[in-house]
Amino acid sequence: MTIQEQSSINLRAIEKLSRDLGPTIVSALEDPKTIEVLLNADGGIWQEKLGEKMRCIGTMLPQRAAAVIQVVAGYHGKTVTRLTPLIEGELPLDGSRFAGQLPPVVQAPTFAIRKKAIAIFTLDQYLTAGIMTAEQCSAIKQAVCDHRNILVIGGTGSGKTTLVNAVIHQMVLNDPTERICIIEDTGEIQCAAQNCVQYHTTLEVTMTMLLKTILRMRPDRILVGEVRGAEALDLLDA
């Protein structure tokens, strides 16, 4: 298959995805204040916006929800069935993080779409906003300067990725020529460094495998997205 043919297939998939998602979800995703859009098994569509509580903004039939999940899976060259009912990846429309599930692990198709941050919140802005103290801000900046290991830990929706992006921004400010290698299962980390390579895991290629590859790619810094398995120890030992 040629590049042009694949591009045409991807374009049709994106157009179908827009239709299947429907105007309610597409409009929510276009809202710059939207953080997350969620579909529950009962068909309720929930929207979380910056500074607001979640609210139900509409409904979706299970057939359409299943179609959305199938399109996202197909776009990434994957299949979802009753035997393999889970899919995670980037939403083809805008690169948002997508996680979908089909029965039997849920009663009806469900999914969650988490939008990427539209702007980088810097460490100095954390300080100005009173989110962190001067001592905390200074400690993080010094850790970046010293090339220390930095772990960002927190619950769902606690702002982990936002803080990681702020730390990366500080890295680039310190030395924009450093070579940065990033490992993720879904693209969320935003890096403005010119000398940057981003790697994504697959069902066959794990974070541990990518780490071994990256160590041969002359990295000055290795950044890792969300870690949810035993590979955490390998990454800390790198």
Protein backbone atom coordinates (compact mmCIF):
# COMPACT_ATOMS: atom_id res chain seq x y z
CA MET A 1 0.00 0.00 0.00
CA THR A 2 1.37 3.42 -0.96
CA ILE A 3 1.63 6.37 1.41
CA GLN A 4 -1.11 8.15 -0.56
CA GLU A 5 -3.46 5.15 -0.27
CA GLN A 6 -2.86 4.88 3.47
CA SER A 7 -3.42 8.61 3.86
CA SER A 8 -6.74 8.32 2.00
CA ILE A 9 -7.84 5.43 4.24
CA ASN A 10 -6.92 7.39 7.37
CA LEU A 11 -8.83 10.44 6.13
CA ARG A 12 -11.97 8.38 5.55
CA ALA A 13 -11.60 6.86 9.02
CA ILE A 14 -11.39 10.32 10.57
CA GLU A 15 -14.48 11.47 8.67
CA LYS A 16 -16.40 8.38 9.82
CA LEU A 17 -15.22 8.91 13.38
CA SER A 18 -16.53 12.49 13.36
CA ARG A 19 -19.93 11.26 12.20
CA ASP A 20 -20.05 8.44 14.75
CA LEU A 21 -19.01 10.69 17.64
CA GLY A 22 -21.75 13.13 16.71
CA PRO A 23 -22.00 16.91 17.12
CA THR A 24 -22.33 16.80 20.92
CA ILE A 25 -18.95 15.15 21.50
CA VAL A 26 -17.20 16.90 18.62
CA SER A 27 -18.37 20.26 19.98
CA ALA A 28 -17.19 19.32 23.47
CA LEU A 29 -13.76 18.38 22.12
CA GLU A 30 -13.51 21.72 20.32
CA ASP A 31 -14.21 23.59 23.58
CA PRO A 32 -10.80 24.76 24.92
CA LYS A 33 -12.06 24.37 28.50
CA THR A 34 -12.89 20.68 28.08
CA ILE A 35 -10.64 18.30 30.00
CA GLU A 36 -12.39 14.99 29.41
CA VAL A 37 -15.41 13.48 27.66
CA LEU A 38 -16.74 10.19 29.03
CA LEU A 39 -19.35 7.72 27.83
CA ASN A 40 -20.97 5.44 30.41
CA ALA A 41 -22.57 2.06 29.76
CA ASP A 42 -26.04 3.59 30.16
CA GLY A 43 -25.34 5.84 27.16
CA GLY A 44 -24.80 9.02 29.16
CA ILE A 45 -22.16 11.41 27.79
CA TRP A 46 -20.33 13.34 30.51
CA GLN A 47 -18.10 16.37 30.09
CA GLU A 48 -15.49 17.68 32.50
CA LYS A 49 -14.50 21.31 32.00
CA LEU A 50 -11.76 23.33 33.64
CA GLY A 51 -12.98 24.68 36.97
CA GLU A 52 -16.40 23.02 36.70
CA LYS A 53 -18.03 19.82 37.94
CA MET A 54 -18.82 17.03 35.49
CA ARG A 55 -22.18 17.26 33.78
CA CYS A 56 -24.18 15.04 31.44
CA ILE A 57 -24.41 16.67 28.00
CA GLY A 58 -26.25 14.02 25.99
CA THR A 59 -26.64 10.34 25.18
CA MET A 60 -25.27 7.88 22.64
CA LEU A 61 -26.68 4.58 21.40
CA PRO A 62 -24.52 1.51 22.09
CA GLN A 63 -24.25 0.74 18.36
CA ARG A 64 -22.70 4.13 17.68
CA ALA A 65 -20.40 3.82 20.68
CA ALA A 66 -19.21 0.44 19.42
CA ALA A 67 -18.61 1.96 15.99
CA VAL A 68 -16.45 4.70 17.53
CA ILE A 69 -14.34 2.12 19.35
CA GLN A 70 -13.99 -0.02 16.21
CA VAL A 71 -12.89 2.96 14.10
CA VAL A 72 -10.24 4.03 16.63
CA ALA A 73 -8.97 0.46 16.88
CA GLY A 74 -8.87 0.07 13.10
CA TYR A 75 -7.02 3.35 12.68
CA HIS A 76 -4.26 1.97 14.89
CA GLY A 77 -4.24 -1.39 13.13
CA LYS A 78 -5.92 -3.20 16.01
CA THR A 79 -9.14 -5.17 16.45
CA VAL A 80 -11.53 -5.27 19.38
CA THR A 81 -13.77 -8.28 20.01
CA ARG A 82 -15.37 -10.04 22.96
CA LEU A 83 -12.03 -11.79 23.46
CA THR A 84 -9.99 -8.58 23.15
CA PRO A 85 -12.45 -5.90 24.33
CA LEU A 86 -10.00 -3.16 25.32
CA ILE A 87 -8.40 -0.44 23.22
CA GLU A 88 -6.12 2.43 24.20
CA GLY A 89 -4.49 4.94 21.89
CA GLU A 90 -4.69 8.41 20.44
CA LEU A 91 -7.95 9.75 19.05
CA PRO A 92 -7.32 10.32 15.31
CA LEU A 93 -9.25 13.60 15.36
CA ASP A 94 -6.95 15.59 17.64
CA GLY A 95 -4.48 13.26 19.36
CA SER A 96 -6.47 13.11 22.60
CA ARG A 97 -5.97 10.02 24.76
CA PHE A 98 -8.66 7.42 24.05
CA ALA A 99 -9.60 4.37 26.12
CA GLY A 100 -12.54 2.19 25.06
CA GLN A 101 -14.12 -1.02 26.28
CA LEU A 102 -16.63 -3.48 24.84
CA PRO A 103 -18.71 -6.21 26.52
CA PRO A 104 -18.22 -8.51 28.36
CA VAL A 105 -15.95 -6.35 30.55
CA VAL A 106 -18.70 -3.70 30.56
CA GLN A 107 -22.48 -3.93 30.10
CA ALA A 108 -22.36 -1.75 26.98
CA PRO A 109 -19.61 0.07 25.04
CA THR A 110 -17.87 2.76 27.08
CA PHE A 111 -15.00 5.12 26.42
CA ALA A 112 -13.05 8.05 27.83
CA ILE A 113 -11.44 10.83 25.81
CA ARG A 114 -8.89 12.99 27.62
CA LYS A 115 -7.77 16.08 25.74
CA LYS A 116 -4.19 17.21 25.49
CA ALA A 117 -3.23 20.39 27.30
CA ILE A 118 -3.57 23.40 25.01
CA ALA A 119 -0.75 25.29 26.74
CA ILE A 120 2.28 24.55 28.89
CA PHE A 121 1.96 25.64 32.54
CA THR A 122 5.53 26.57 33.59
CA LEU A 123 7.11 26.05 37.01
CA ASP A 124 7.20 29.83 37.50
CA GLN A 125 3.45 29.95 36.78
CA TYR A 126 2.92 27.23 39.40
CA LEU A 127 4.76 29.50 41.83
CA THR A 128 2.86 32.66 40.85
CA ALA A 129 -0.48 30.85 41.15
CA GLY A 130 0.41 29.65 44.65
CA ILE A 131 0.24 25.99 43.62
CA MET A 132 3.81 25.38 44.80
CA THR A 133 6.11 27.19 47.20
CA ALA A 134 9.34 28.93 46.27
CA GLU A 135 11.25 26.12 47.98
CA GLN A 136 9.42 23.45 45.98
CA CYS A 137 9.94 25.30 42.71
CA SER A 138 13.63 25.77 43.46
CA ALA A 139 14.04 22.09 44.40
CA ILE A 140 12.54 20.92 41.10
CA LYS A 141 14.67 23.35 39.09
CA GLN A 142 17.80 22.13 40.90
CA ALA A 143 16.84 18.49 40.28
CA VAL A 144 16.48 19.28 36.58
CA CYS A 145 19.88 21.00 36.60
CA ASP A 146 21.50 18.02 38.34
CA HIS A 147 19.88 15.45 36.01
CA ARG A 148 18.23 13.76 38.99
CA ASN A 149 15.50 11.13 38.60
CA ILE A 150 12.11 12.81 39.04
CA LEU A 151 8.94 10.82 39.76
CA VAL A 152 5.55 12.47 39.31
CA ILE A 153 2.92 10.51 41.22
CA GLY A 154 -0.77 11.21 41.79
CA GLY A 155 -4.33 10.09 41.33
CA THR A 156 -6.42 10.26 38.17
CA GLY A 157 -6.93 13.84 37.04
CA SER A 158 -4.51 15.24 39.63
CA GLY A 159 -2.38 17.09 37.06
CA LYS A 160 0.55 14.70 36.65
CA THR A 161 0.98 15.29 32.92
CA THR A 162 0.66 19.06 33.38
CA LEU A 163 3.50 19.02 35.92
CA VAL A 164 5.62 16.74 33.71
CA ASN A 165 5.20 19.19 30.83
CA ALA A 166 6.30 22.02 33.14
CA VAL A 167 9.42 20.07 34.14
CA ILE A 168 10.23 19.39 30.48
CA HIS A 169 9.82 23.09 29.74
CA GLN A 170 12.42 23.78 32.41
CA MET A 171 14.77 21.21 30.86
CA VAL A 172 14.54 22.97 27.51
CA LEU A 173 15.13 26.37 29.14
CA ASN A 174 18.26 25.02 30.84
CA ASP A 175 19.75 23.55 27.66
CA PRO A 176 17.78 23.54 24.39
CA THR A 177 20.45 21.38 22.70
CA GLU A 178 20.03 18.33 24.95
CA ARG A 179 18.82 15.16 23.23
CA ILE A 180 15.55 14.00 24.80
CA CYS A 181 13.99 10.58 24.23
CA ILE A 182 10.40 9.97 25.32
CA ILE A 183 8.62 6.64 25.91
CA GLU A 184 4.81 6.52 26.12
CA ASP A 185 1.96 4.14 25.44
CA THR A 186 -0.25 7.07 24.40
CA GLY A 187 1.11 10.45 23.34
CA GLU A 188 0.47 12.96 26.14
CA ILE A 189 3.85 14.48 26.93
CA GLN A 190 4.55 17.77 25.16
CA CYS A 191 8.17 18.57 24.43
CA ALA A 192 9.37 21.69 22.62
CA ALA A 193 12.99 20.53 22.39
CA GLN A 194 14.38 20.53 18.87
CA ASN A 195 16.50 17.41 19.51
CA CYS A 196 13.68 15.10 20.60
CA VAL A 197 12.52 11.62 19.60
CA GLN A 198 9.22 10.14 20.83
CA TYR A 199 8.64 6.39 21.06
CA HIS A 200 5.32 4.60 21.53
CA THR A 201 4.74 1.10 22.87
CA THR A 202 2.69 -1.52 21.03
CA LEU A 203 1.22 -4.86 22.04
CA GLU A 204 4.50 -6.44 20.94
CA VAL A 205 6.97 -3.72 21.97
CA THR A 206 7.06 -2.94 25.70
CA MET A 207 8.51 0.03 27.56
CA THR A 208 11.39 -2.17 28.72
CA MET A 209 12.21 -3.09 25.11
CA LEU A 210 12.07 0.55 24.04
CA LEU A 211 14.30 1.52 26.95
CA LYS A 212 17.02 -0.86 25.72
CA THR A 213 16.73 0.68 22.26
CA ILE A 214 16.83 4.25 23.54
CA LEU A 215 20.01 3.63 25.51
CA ARG A 216 21.72 3.16 22.12
CA MET A 217 20.29 6.43 20.78
CA ARG A 218 22.59 8.74 22.76
CA PRO A 219 19.96 10.32 25.05
CA ASP A 220 20.83 13.13 27.46
CA ARG A 221 17.47 12.61 29.14
CA ILE A 222 14.91 9.81 29.07
CA LEU A 223 11.30 10.75 29.77
CA VAL A 224 8.63 8.15 30.45
CA GLY A 225 4.88 8.61 30.36
CA GLU A 226 2.42 6.75 32.53
CA VAL A 227 3.88 3.55 33.99
CA ARG A 228 1.42 0.92 35.20
CA GLY A 229 3.44 -2.30 35.32
CA ALA A 230 6.57 -4.12 36.40
CA GLU A 231 8.66 -2.11 33.93
CA ALA A 232 8.82 0.70 36.52
CA LEU A 233 11.88 -0.90 38.16
CA ASP A 234 13.69 -1.27 34.82
CA LEU A 235 13.10 2.39 34.06
CA LEU A 236 14.37 3.51 37.46
CA ASP A 237 17.51 1.41 37.06
CA ALA A 238 18.29 2.83 33.61
